[in-house]
Amino acid sequence: MPLTLRHVRNPLSWIGALLVLISASGEVRKVPVEVWCVGDDGLTQKLRNALENRFEASPDFQLSSGKRPGTLVVTIPSNVPWKQVKGRTRVVYNVDFTSVDGLKLGRSNGECWGSDVGKCAEHIVADAKSAARKLR
């Protein structure tokens, strides 16, 4: 026999409970992320800023601080190397992904033009999604 509203003493409480369950199950939990930067030159800081902006805009991540459990730590481990290519600056980056307790979860590396470090940041955030799955 299927359960109907007649089987529930207070249909309003049943409907309210159902709505709470639906909204709780449909809620997307953002992964907390901290961006750490060892390098202090202008190009490295530019990449860090672009990376933080991309994480803020991402539906999957939320910037955090305080090394809370479940946080993905994204580290730019040194000054970002670069090279001149036909008068333009080519950024070469390596970024490490770890948990707050130091568990290595992966690495992202690649290149982009210095005038568009946002492209590097997009690639890093995409790689961070794979690293974040290893946190669970």
N, C-alpha and C. Protein backbone atom coordinates (compact mmCIF):
# COMPACT_ATOMS: atom_id res chain seq x y z
N MET A 1 0.85 -1.17 0.00
CA MET A 1 0.00 0.00 0.00
C MET A 1 0.90 1.24 0.00
N PRO A 2 0.76 2.13 -0.96
CA PRO A 2 1.60 3.33 -1.01
C PRO A 2 1.25 4.30 0.11
N LEU A 3 2.26 5.02 0.55
CA LEU A 3 2.09 6.02 1.60
C LEU A 3 1.44 7.26 1.01
N THR A 4 0.35 7.70 1.63
CA THR A 4 -0.34 8.90 1.17
C THR A 4 -0.40 9.89 2.31
N LEU A 5 -0.85 11.10 2.03
CA LEU A 5 -0.97 12.11 3.06
C LEU A 5 -1.95 11.69 4.16
N ARG A 6 -2.89 10.78 3.86
CA ARG A 6 -3.83 10.31 4.88
C ARG A 6 -3.12 9.52 5.97
N HIS A 7 -1.95 8.95 5.66
CA HIS A 7 -1.21 8.15 6.63
C HIS A 7 -0.37 9.00 7.57
N VAL A 8 -0.29 10.26 7.31
CA VAL A 8 0.53 11.15 8.13
C VAL A 8 -0.40 11.99 8.99
N ARG A 9 -0.10 12.06 10.29
CA ARG A 9 -0.96 12.81 11.21
C ARG A 9 -1.01 14.29 10.86
N ASN A 10 0.12 14.88 10.61
CA ASN A 10 0.17 16.31 10.31
C ASN A 10 0.82 16.49 8.94
N PRO A 11 0.03 16.61 7.90
CA PRO A 11 0.59 16.71 6.54
C PRO A 11 1.53 17.90 6.36
N LEU A 12 1.29 18.99 7.08
CA LEU A 12 2.16 20.15 6.92
C LEU A 12 3.58 19.86 7.43
N SER A 13 3.69 19.13 8.54
CA SER A 13 5.03 18.80 9.03
C SER A 13 5.72 17.82 8.08
N TRP A 14 4.95 16.91 7.49
CA TRP A 14 5.51 15.97 6.54
C TRP A 14 6.05 16.69 5.30
N ILE A 15 5.28 17.64 4.79
CA ILE A 15 5.70 18.41 3.62
C ILE A 15 6.93 19.25 3.96
N GLY A 16 6.94 19.87 5.13
CA GLY A 16 8.10 20.66 5.55
C GLY A 16 9.36 19.81 5.65
N ALA A 17 9.22 18.62 6.23
CA ALA A 17 10.37 17.72 6.35
C ALA A 17 10.86 17.29 4.97
N LEU A 18 9.93 17.02 4.07
CA LEU A 18 10.30 16.63 2.72
C LEU A 18 11.06 17.75 2.00
N LEU A 19 10.60 18.98 2.16
CA LEU A 19 11.28 20.11 1.54
C LEU A 19 12.69 20.29 2.10
N VAL A 20 12.86 20.09 3.40
CA VAL A 20 14.18 20.19 4.01
C VAL A 20 15.10 19.12 3.43
N LEU A 21 14.59 17.89 3.29
CA LEU A 21 15.40 16.81 2.73
C LEU A 21 15.80 17.09 1.29
N ILE A 22 14.85 17.60 0.50
CA ILE A 22 15.13 17.90 -0.90
C ILE A 22 16.18 18.99 -1.01
N SER A 23 16.05 20.07 -0.22
CA SER A 23 17.01 21.15 -0.33
C SER A 23 18.38 20.73 0.20
N ALA A 24 18.40 19.90 1.24
CA ALA A 24 19.68 19.45 1.79
C ALA A 24 20.39 18.53 0.81
N SER A 25 19.64 17.67 0.14
CA SER A 25 20.28 16.73 -0.79
C SER A 25 20.71 17.43 -2.08
N GLY A 26 20.08 18.53 -2.44
CA GLY A 26 20.42 19.23 -3.67
C GLY A 26 21.51 20.28 -3.47
N GLU A 27 21.93 20.48 -2.24
CA GLU A 27 22.91 21.52 -1.94
C GLU A 27 24.31 21.06 -2.35
N VAL A 28 25.03 21.91 -3.04
CA VAL A 28 26.38 21.60 -3.47
C VAL A 28 27.36 22.17 -2.45
N ARG A 29 28.21 21.31 -1.93
CA ARG A 29 29.20 21.73 -0.94
C ARG A 29 30.46 22.18 -1.66
N LYS A 30 30.84 23.41 -1.45
CA LYS A 30 32.06 23.94 -2.06
C LYS A 30 33.27 23.46 -1.25
N VAL A 31 34.33 23.13 -1.96
CA VAL A 31 35.56 22.69 -1.31
C VAL A 31 36.34 23.93 -0.85
N PRO A 32 36.68 23.98 0.44
CA PRO A 32 37.51 25.10 0.88
C PRO A 32 38.91 24.99 0.29
N VAL A 33 39.47 26.11 -0.12
CA VAL A 33 40.79 26.12 -0.75
C VAL A 33 41.61 27.29 -0.21
N GLU A 34 42.88 27.02 0.04
CA GLU A 34 43.82 28.07 0.43
C GLU A 34 44.89 28.16 -0.63
N VAL A 35 45.24 29.36 -1.04
CA VAL A 35 46.31 29.57 -2.02
C VAL A 35 47.51 30.10 -1.28
N TRP A 36 48.58 29.33 -1.32
CA TRP A 36 49.84 29.72 -0.68
C TRP A 36 50.83 30.05 -1.77
N CYS A 37 51.61 31.07 -1.53
CA CYS A 37 52.55 31.54 -2.54
C CYS A 37 53.90 31.82 -1.89
N VAL A 38 54.92 31.09 -2.32
CA VAL A 38 56.27 31.28 -1.79
C VAL A 38 56.97 32.42 -2.52
N GLY A 39 56.77 32.52 -3.81
CA GLY A 39 57.42 33.57 -4.60
C GLY A 39 56.89 34.95 -4.28
N ASP A 40 57.76 35.94 -4.45
CA ASP A 40 57.35 37.31 -4.10
C ASP A 40 57.53 38.32 -5.24
N ASP A 41 57.88 37.85 -6.43
CA ASP A 41 58.04 38.79 -7.54
C ASP A 41 56.68 39.14 -8.13
N GLY A 42 56.65 40.16 -8.97
CA GLY A 42 55.41 40.67 -9.52
C GLY A 42 54.64 39.66 -10.35
N LEU A 43 55.31 38.88 -11.16
CA LEU A 43 54.64 37.92 -12.02
C LEU A 43 54.00 36.80 -11.18
N THR A 44 54.69 36.36 -10.15
CA THR A 44 54.14 35.32 -9.27
C THR A 44 52.92 35.85 -8.53
N GLN A 45 53.00 37.08 -8.05
CA GLN A 45 51.86 37.68 -7.35
C GLN A 45 50.67 37.87 -8.31
N LYS A 46 50.96 38.19 -9.56
CA LYS A 46 49.91 38.34 -10.57
C LYS A 46 49.20 37.00 -10.79
N LEU A 47 49.96 35.92 -10.85
CA LEU A 47 49.37 34.60 -11.00
C LEU A 47 48.55 34.23 -9.76
N ARG A 48 49.08 34.50 -8.58
CA ARG A 48 48.34 34.21 -7.34
C ARG A 48 47.01 34.95 -7.31
N ASN A 49 47.03 36.23 -7.66
CA ASN A 49 45.79 37.02 -7.67
C ASN A 49 44.77 36.47 -8.67
N ALA A 50 45.25 36.11 -9.86
CA ALA A 50 44.36 35.54 -10.87
C ALA A 50 43.80 34.21 -10.39
N LEU A 51 44.61 33.43 -9.71
CA LEU A 51 44.18 32.14 -9.19
C LEU A 51 43.12 32.31 -8.11
N GLU A 52 43.35 33.22 -7.18
CA GLU A 52 42.35 33.47 -6.13
C GLU A 52 41.04 33.97 -6.74
N ASN A 53 41.11 34.82 -7.75
CA ASN A 53 39.89 35.30 -8.42
C ASN A 53 39.13 34.15 -9.08
N ARG A 54 39.85 33.23 -9.71
CA ARG A 54 39.20 32.09 -10.37
C ARG A 54 38.56 31.16 -9.33
N PHE A 55 39.23 30.94 -8.21
CA PHE A 55 38.64 30.11 -7.16
C PHE A 55 37.40 30.77 -6.58
N GLU A 56 37.44 32.08 -6.39
CA GLU A 56 36.27 32.81 -5.87
C GLU A 56 35.09 32.70 -6.81
N ALA A 57 35.35 32.72 -8.11
CA ALA A 57 34.29 32.66 -9.11
C ALA A 57 33.80 31.24 -9.38
N SER A 58 34.53 30.25 -8.92
CA SER A 58 34.20 28.85 -9.20
C SER A 58 33.02 28.38 -8.36
N PRO A 59 32.12 27.62 -8.97
CA PRO A 59 31.01 27.05 -8.18
C PRO A 59 31.46 25.87 -7.33
N ASP A 60 32.70 25.41 -7.53
CA ASP A 60 33.19 24.22 -6.83
C ASP A 60 34.05 24.52 -5.61
N PHE A 61 34.56 25.75 -5.52
CA PHE A 61 35.52 26.08 -4.46
C PHE A 61 35.10 27.33 -3.70
N GLN A 62 35.67 27.44 -2.51
CA GLN A 62 35.45 28.61 -1.66
C GLN A 62 36.79 28.93 -0.98
N LEU A 63 37.26 30.17 -1.13
CA LEU A 63 38.51 30.55 -0.48
C LEU A 63 38.36 30.43 1.03
N SER A 64 39.42 29.95 1.66
CA SER A 64 39.39 29.69 3.09
C SER A 64 40.73 30.08 3.69
N SER A 65 40.81 29.99 5.00
CA SER A 65 42.07 30.20 5.71
C SER A 65 42.00 29.42 7.02
N GLY A 66 43.14 29.22 7.65
CA GLY A 66 43.16 28.57 8.95
C GLY A 66 43.44 27.08 8.91
N LYS A 67 43.78 26.54 7.76
CA LYS A 67 44.15 25.13 7.64
C LYS A 67 43.10 24.19 8.26
N ARG A 68 41.85 24.41 7.90
CA ARG A 68 40.77 23.56 8.40
C ARG A 68 40.78 22.21 7.69
N PRO A 69 40.40 21.14 8.39
CA PRO A 69 40.32 19.82 7.74
C PRO A 69 39.42 19.87 6.52
N GLY A 70 39.80 19.14 5.48
CA GLY A 70 39.03 19.11 4.24
C GLY A 70 39.37 20.22 3.28
N THR A 71 40.38 21.02 3.62
CA THR A 71 40.78 22.14 2.77
C THR A 71 41.84 21.68 1.77
N LEU A 72 41.69 22.11 0.54
CA LEU A 72 42.71 21.89 -0.48
C LEU A 72 43.69 23.05 -0.42
N VAL A 73 44.97 22.72 -0.29
CA VAL A 73 46.02 23.74 -0.27
C VAL A 73 46.68 23.77 -1.64
N VAL A 74 46.68 24.93 -2.26
CA VAL A 74 47.27 25.13 -3.58
C VAL A 74 48.49 26.02 -3.39
N THR A 75 49.68 25.47 -3.68
CA THR A 75 50.92 26.19 -3.41
C THR A 75 51.68 26.49 -4.68
N ILE A 76 52.03 27.77 -4.85
CA ILE A 76 52.98 28.17 -5.89
C ILE A 76 54.33 28.15 -5.16
N PRO A 77 55.17 27.12 -5.40
CA PRO A 77 56.31 26.86 -4.54
C PRO A 77 57.53 27.76 -4.72
N SER A 78 57.54 28.58 -5.74
CA SER A 78 58.69 29.45 -5.98
C SER A 78 58.27 30.59 -6.89
N ASN A 79 59.20 31.49 -7.16
CA ASN A 79 58.92 32.51 -8.17
C ASN A 79 58.58 31.81 -9.48
N VAL A 80 57.59 32.31 -10.18
CA VAL A 80 57.16 31.71 -11.44
C VAL A 80 58.23 31.97 -12.51
N PRO A 81 58.77 30.90 -13.10
CA PRO A 81 59.73 31.09 -14.18
C PRO A 81 59.06 31.68 -15.42
N TRP A 82 59.83 32.36 -16.22
CA TRP A 82 59.30 32.93 -17.45
C TRP A 82 60.42 32.95 -18.49
N LYS A 83 60.00 33.13 -19.74
CA LYS A 83 60.97 33.25 -20.84
C LYS A 83 60.42 34.23 -21.86
N GLN A 84 61.31 34.87 -22.57
CA GLN A 84 60.92 35.80 -23.63
C GLN A 84 60.74 35.01 -24.92
N VAL A 85 59.60 35.21 -25.58
CA VAL A 85 59.31 34.57 -26.85
C VAL A 85 58.81 35.66 -27.79
N LYS A 86 59.66 36.02 -28.76
CA LYS A 86 59.31 37.05 -29.75
C LYS A 86 58.83 38.32 -29.08
N GLY A 87 59.52 38.74 -28.03
CA GLY A 87 59.20 39.99 -27.36
C GLY A 87 58.06 39.91 -26.35
N ARG A 88 57.52 38.71 -26.15
CA ARG A 88 56.43 38.52 -25.19
C ARG A 88 56.92 37.64 -24.04
N THR A 89 56.28 37.79 -22.89
CA THR A 89 56.65 37.00 -21.72
C THR A 89 55.80 35.74 -21.65
N ARG A 90 56.48 34.61 -21.60
CA ARG A 90 55.81 33.31 -21.50
C ARG A 90 56.00 32.79 -20.07
N VAL A 91 54.90 32.61 -19.34
CA VAL A 91 54.93 32.14 -17.96
C VAL A 91 54.94 30.61 -17.96
N VAL A 92 55.81 30.04 -17.15
CA VAL A 92 55.89 28.59 -16.97
C VAL A 92 55.61 28.33 -15.50
N TYR A 93 54.55 27.62 -15.19
CA TYR A 93 54.19 27.46 -13.78
C TYR A 93 54.15 26.00 -13.35
N ASN A 94 54.39 25.78 -12.08
CA ASN A 94 54.21 24.51 -11.39
C ASN A 94 53.50 24.82 -10.09
N VAL A 95 52.41 24.15 -9.83
CA VAL A 95 51.61 24.37 -8.63
C VAL A 95 51.36 23.02 -7.98
N ASP A 96 51.51 22.96 -6.66
CA ASP A 96 51.30 21.72 -5.91
C ASP A 96 49.96 21.75 -5.19
N PHE A 97 49.30 20.58 -5.15
CA PHE A 97 48.05 20.42 -4.42
C PHE A 97 48.31 19.47 -3.25
N THR A 98 47.94 19.91 -2.05
CA THR A 98 48.10 19.07 -0.86
C THR A 98 46.89 19.25 0.05
N SER A 99 46.79 18.36 1.02
CA SER A 99 45.82 18.54 2.09
C SER A 99 46.48 19.41 3.16
N VAL A 100 45.72 19.84 4.16
CA VAL A 100 46.30 20.68 5.21
C VAL A 100 47.34 19.94 6.04
N ASP A 101 47.26 18.61 6.05
CA ASP A 101 48.25 17.85 6.80
C ASP A 101 49.42 17.37 5.93
N GLY A 102 49.53 17.92 4.72
CA GLY A 102 50.69 17.67 3.88
C GLY A 102 50.60 16.50 2.91
N LEU A 103 49.45 15.85 2.83
CA LEU A 103 49.28 14.75 1.89
C LEU A 103 49.31 15.28 0.46
N LYS A 104 50.20 14.76 -0.38
CA LYS A 104 50.31 15.23 -1.76
C LYS A 104 49.14 14.69 -2.58
N LEU A 105 48.45 15.61 -3.24
CA LEU A 105 47.26 15.25 -4.01
C LEU A 105 47.43 15.46 -5.51
N GLY A 106 48.53 16.06 -5.91
CA GLY A 106 48.75 16.27 -7.33
C GLY A 106 49.53 17.53 -7.62
N ARG A 107 49.67 17.78 -8.91
CA ARG A 107 50.42 18.94 -9.37
C ARG A 107 49.82 19.42 -10.67
N SER A 108 49.92 20.72 -10.89
CA SER A 108 49.49 21.32 -12.15
C SER A 108 50.68 22.07 -12.72
N ASN A 109 50.91 21.90 -13.99
CA ASN A 109 51.96 22.68 -14.64
C ASN A 109 51.54 23.02 -16.05
N GLY A 110 52.10 24.09 -16.54
CA GLY A 110 51.76 24.54 -17.88
C GLY A 110 52.38 25.88 -18.19
N GLU A 111 51.90 26.49 -19.25
CA GLU A 111 52.41 27.77 -19.72
C GLU A 111 51.25 28.65 -20.20
N CYS A 112 51.46 29.94 -20.13
CA CYS A 112 50.53 30.91 -20.69
C CYS A 112 51.29 32.21 -20.91
N TRP A 113 50.68 33.13 -21.59
CA TRP A 113 51.31 34.43 -21.80
C TRP A 113 51.19 35.27 -20.53
N GLY A 114 52.21 36.03 -20.23
CA GLY A 114 52.21 36.90 -19.06
C GLY A 114 51.08 37.91 -19.08
N SER A 115 50.64 38.27 -20.27
CA SER A 115 49.54 39.23 -20.38
C SER A 115 48.18 38.58 -20.11
N ASP A 116 48.15 37.25 -20.01
CA ASP A 116 46.89 36.54 -19.76
C ASP A 116 47.10 35.39 -18.78
N VAL A 117 47.56 35.71 -17.57
CA VAL A 117 47.77 34.66 -16.56
C VAL A 117 46.45 34.04 -16.12
N GLY A 118 45.35 34.65 -16.48
CA GLY A 118 44.04 34.05 -16.21
C GLY A 118 43.89 32.70 -16.86
N LYS A 119 44.51 32.50 -18.01
CA LYS A 119 44.48 31.19 -18.70
C LYS A 119 45.20 30.15 -17.84
N CYS A 120 46.34 30.52 -17.25
CA CYS A 120 47.04 29.61 -16.35
C CYS A 120 46.14 29.28 -15.16
N ALA A 121 45.50 30.30 -14.60
CA ALA A 121 44.63 30.11 -13.44
C ALA A 121 43.47 29.17 -13.76
N GLU A 122 42.89 29.32 -14.95
CA GLU A 122 41.79 28.43 -15.36
C GLU A 122 42.26 26.98 -15.39
N HIS A 123 43.44 26.76 -15.94
CA HIS A 123 43.98 25.41 -16.02
C HIS A 123 44.24 24.85 -14.62
N ILE A 124 44.77 25.67 -13.73
CA ILE A 124 45.07 25.23 -12.36
C ILE A 124 43.77 24.87 -11.63
N VAL A 125 42.73 25.69 -11.77
CA VAL A 125 41.45 25.40 -11.11
C VAL A 125 40.85 24.10 -11.65
N ALA A 126 40.97 23.86 -12.95
CA ALA A 126 40.48 22.60 -13.53
C ALA A 126 41.23 21.41 -12.93
N ASP A 127 42.54 21.53 -12.79
CA ASP A 127 43.34 20.46 -12.18
C ASP A 127 43.01 20.31 -10.69
N ALA A 128 42.67 21.41 -10.05
CA ALA A 128 42.34 21.38 -8.62
C ALA A 128 41.09 20.54 -8.36
N LYS A 129 40.18 20.48 -9.31
CA LYS A 129 38.97 19.67 -9.14
C LYS A 129 39.34 18.20 -8.96
N SER A 130 40.30 17.72 -9.75
CA SER A 130 40.75 16.33 -9.61
C SER A 130 41.43 16.11 -8.27
N ALA A 131 42.26 17.05 -7.87
CA ALA A 131 42.96 16.95 -6.58
C ALA A 131 41.97 16.96 -5.43
N ALA A 132 40.94 17.78 -5.51
CA ALA A 132 39.95 17.90 -4.44
C ALA A 132 39.19 16.61 -4.23
N ARG A 133 38.98 15.84 -5.29
CA ARG A 133 38.27 14.55 -5.15
C ARG A 133 39.05 13.59 -4.27
N LYS A 134 40.35 13.75 -4.21
CA LYS A 134 41.20 12.87 -3.39
C LYS A 134 41.14 13.23 -1.90
N LEU A 135 40.57 14.37 -1.58
CA LEU A 135 40.42 14.77 -0.18
C LEU A 135 39.40 13.92 0.55
N ARG A 136 38.45 13.38 -0.16
CA ARG A 136 37.32 12.66 0.45
C ARG A 136 37.62 11.23 0.72
